[in-house]
Amino acid sequence: MIYLISYDLYHPGQGYARLYDGIKELGAWWHYLDSTWLVDTNLTTSQIFERLRSRIDASDRLLIIGVRRDYSGWLPGDAWSWINGRAPAAA
């Protein structure tokens, strides 16, 4: 299943490295938009959240949504190749 992970980190001085490392540990990933990642994993949204929860502060925001075949946008070709190559898993 492909999940979109989007976030805003509000704590002053907080680095993104811990969150990035946590996202990369979830499975195959694609990251082209600043605060948005796509991850291909067998975990559920709740399991993803529990794994990332300790890497953000209470003032931060985190959104995890499953990606279905109904998608569109303006992205580079390699992004669409990544998404379309995993689309059967997103059904």
C-alpha atoms as a PDB file:
ATOM      1  CA  MET A   1       0.000   0.000   0.000  1.00  0.00           C
ATOM      2  CA  ILE A   2       1.237   3.480  -0.818  1.00  0.00           C
ATOM      3  CA  TYR A   3       0.774   6.127   1.866  1.00  0.00           C
ATOM      4  CA  LEU A   4       1.190   9.867   1.622  1.00  0.00           C
ATOM      5  CA  ILE A   5       2.880  11.344   4.689  1.00  0.00           C
ATOM      6  CA  SER A   6       2.706  15.102   5.107  1.00  0.00           C
ATOM      7  CA  TYR A   7       3.897  17.178   8.066  1.00  0.00           C
ATOM      8  CA  ASP A   8       4.639  20.583   9.543  1.00  0.00           C
ATOM      9  CA  LEU A   9       7.246  20.831  12.290  1.00  0.00           C
ATOM     10  CA  TYR A  10       6.641  23.839  14.517  1.00  0.00           C
ATOM     11  CA  HIS A  11       9.128  23.437  17.375  1.00  0.00           C
ATOM     12  CA  PRO A  12      11.911  26.025  16.868  1.00  0.00           C
ATOM     13  CA  GLY A  13      15.231  24.453  15.971  1.00  0.00           C
ATOM     14  CA  GLN A  14      13.846  20.979  15.426  1.00  0.00           C
ATOM     15  CA  GLY A  15      15.640  19.140  12.684  1.00  0.00           C
ATOM     16  CA  TYR A  16      13.996  16.967  10.103  1.00  0.00           C
ATOM     17  CA  ALA A  17      16.666  14.243  10.154  1.00  0.00           C
ATOM     18  CA  ARG A  18      15.000  12.097  12.849  1.00  0.00           C
ATOM     19  CA  LEU A  19      11.647  12.210  11.053  1.00  0.00           C
ATOM     20  CA  TYR A  20      13.252  11.561   7.652  1.00  0.00           C
ATOM     21  CA  ASP A  21      15.133   8.553   9.041  1.00  0.00           C
ATOM     22  CA  GLY A  22      11.898   7.183  10.535  1.00  0.00           C
ATOM     23  CA  ILE A  23      10.041   7.569   7.254  1.00  0.00           C
ATOM     24  CA  LYS A  24      12.846   5.882   5.309  1.00  0.00           C
ATOM     25  CA  GLU A  25      12.678   2.896   7.678  1.00  0.00           C
ATOM     26  CA  LEU A  26       9.024   2.257   6.741  1.00  0.00           C
ATOM     27  CA  GLY A  27       9.727   0.860   3.268  1.00  0.00           C
ATOM     28  CA  ALA A  28      10.354   2.045  -0.270  1.00  0.00           C
ATOM     29  CA  TRP A  29       9.931   5.822  -0.377  1.00  0.00           C
ATOM     30  CA  TRP A  30       9.786   8.785  -2.732  1.00  0.00           C
ATOM     31  CA  HIS A  31      10.372  12.388  -1.615  1.00  0.00           C
ATOM     32  CA  TYR A  32      10.160  15.299  -4.021  1.00  0.00           C
ATOM     33  CA  LEU A  33       7.807  17.802  -2.358  1.00  0.00           C
ATOM     34  CA  ASP A  34       9.166  19.631   0.692  1.00  0.00           C
ATOM     35  CA  SER A  35       6.887  18.289   3.430  1.00  0.00           C
ATOM     36  CA  THR A  36       5.439  15.274   1.636  1.00  0.00           C
ATOM     37  CA  TRP A  37       6.656  11.707   1.246  1.00  0.00           C
ATOM     38  CA  LEU A  38       5.182   8.654  -0.437  1.00  0.00           C
ATOM     39  CA  VAL A  39       5.947   5.325   1.229  1.00  0.00           C
ATOM     40  CA  ASP A  40       5.194   1.817  -0.008  1.00  0.00           C
ATOM     41  CA  THR A  41       4.685  -0.380   3.060  1.00  0.00           C
ATOM     42  CA  ASN A  42       2.497  -3.148   4.475  1.00  0.00           C
ATOM     43  CA  LEU A  43       1.969  -1.173   7.696  1.00  0.00           C
ATOM     44  CA  THR A  44      -1.357   0.493   8.531  1.00  0.00           C
ATOM     45  CA  THR A  45      -1.792   4.233   9.054  1.00  0.00           C
ATOM     46  CA  SER A  46      -1.921   3.647  12.825  1.00  0.00           C
ATOM     47  CA  GLN A  47       1.284   1.606  12.765  1.00  0.00           C
ATOM     48  CA  ILE A  48       3.040   4.288  10.708  1.00  0.00           C
ATOM     49  CA  PHE A  49       1.893   6.977  13.125  1.00  0.00           C
ATOM     50  CA  GLU A  50       3.114   5.012  16.148  1.00  0.00           C
ATOM     51  CA  ARG A  51       6.542   4.591  14.541  1.00  0.00           C
ATOM     52  CA  LEU A  52       6.822   8.314  13.735  1.00  0.00           C
ATOM     53  CA  ARG A  53       5.149   9.747  16.855  1.00  0.00           C
ATOM     54  CA  SER A  54       8.345   9.912  18.916  1.00  0.00           C
ATOM     55  CA  ARG A  55      10.090  11.799  16.111  1.00  0.00           C
ATOM     56  CA  ILE A  56       7.795  14.837  16.274  1.00  0.00           C
ATOM     57  CA  ASP A  57       6.699  17.248  19.018  1.00  0.00           C
ATOM     58  CA  ALA A  58       3.158  17.771  20.335  1.00  0.00           C
ATOM     59  CA  SER A  59       2.992  21.098  18.470  1.00  0.00           C
ATOM     60  CA  ASP A  60       3.849  19.477  15.110  1.00  0.00           C
ATOM     61  CA  ARG A  61       1.330  18.182  12.598  1.00  0.00           C
ATOM     62  CA  LEU A  62       1.384  14.851  10.771  1.00  0.00           C
ATOM     63  CA  LEU A  63      -1.048  13.448   8.183  1.00  0.00           C
ATOM     64  CA  ILE A  64      -0.964   9.885   6.830  1.00  0.00           C
ATOM     65  CA  ILE A  65      -3.352   8.922   4.029  1.00  0.00           C
ATOM     66  CA  GLY A  66      -3.577   5.842   1.815  1.00  0.00           C
ATOM     67  CA  VAL A  67      -3.104   6.560  -1.899  1.00  0.00           C
ATOM     68  CA  ARG A  68      -5.606   4.986  -4.250  1.00  0.00           C
ATOM     69  CA  ARG A  69      -5.540   4.862  -8.024  1.00  0.00           C
ATOM     70  CA  ASP A  70      -7.431   8.152  -8.303  1.00  0.00           C
ATOM     71  CA  TYR A  71      -4.556  10.648  -8.347  1.00  0.00           C
ATOM     72  CA  SER A  72      -3.356  13.495 -10.520  1.00  0.00           C
ATOM     73  CA  GLY A  73      -0.893  16.364 -10.373  1.00  0.00           C
ATOM     74  CA  TRP A  74       2.165  18.037 -11.826  1.00  0.00           C
ATOM     75  CA  LEU A  75       5.219  15.953 -10.923  1.00  0.00           C
ATOM     76  CA  PRO A  76       8.393  14.888 -12.724  1.00  0.00           C
ATOM     77  CA  GLY A  77       8.375  11.704 -14.774  1.00  0.00           C
ATOM     78  CA  ASP A  78      10.356   9.712 -12.224  1.00  0.00           C
ATOM     79  CA  ALA A  79       7.704  10.469  -9.597  1.00  0.00           C
ATOM     80  CA  TRP A  80       4.937   9.113 -11.804  1.00  0.00           C
ATOM     81  CA  SER A  81       7.055   6.063 -12.634  1.00  0.00           C
ATOM     82  CA  TRP A  82       7.493   5.383  -8.905  1.00  0.00           C
ATOM     83  CA  ILE A  83       3.773   5.788  -8.195  1.00  0.00           C
ATOM     84  CA  ASN A  84       2.533   3.909 -11.254  1.00  0.00           C
ATOM     85  CA  GLY A  85       4.996   1.077 -10.641  1.00  0.00           C
ATOM     86  CA  ARG A  86       3.353   0.513  -7.266  1.00  0.00           C
ATOM     87  CA  ALA A  87      -0.246   1.307  -8.270  1.00  0.00           C
ATOM     88  CA  PRO A  88      -1.381  -2.355  -8.125  1.00  0.00           C
ATOM     89  CA  ALA A  89      -0.413  -2.356  -4.437  1.00  0.00           C
ATOM     90  CA  ALA A  90      -2.463   0.819  -3.937  1.00  0.00           C
ATOM     91  CA  ALA A  91      -5.695  -0.670  -5.268  1.00  0.00           C
END
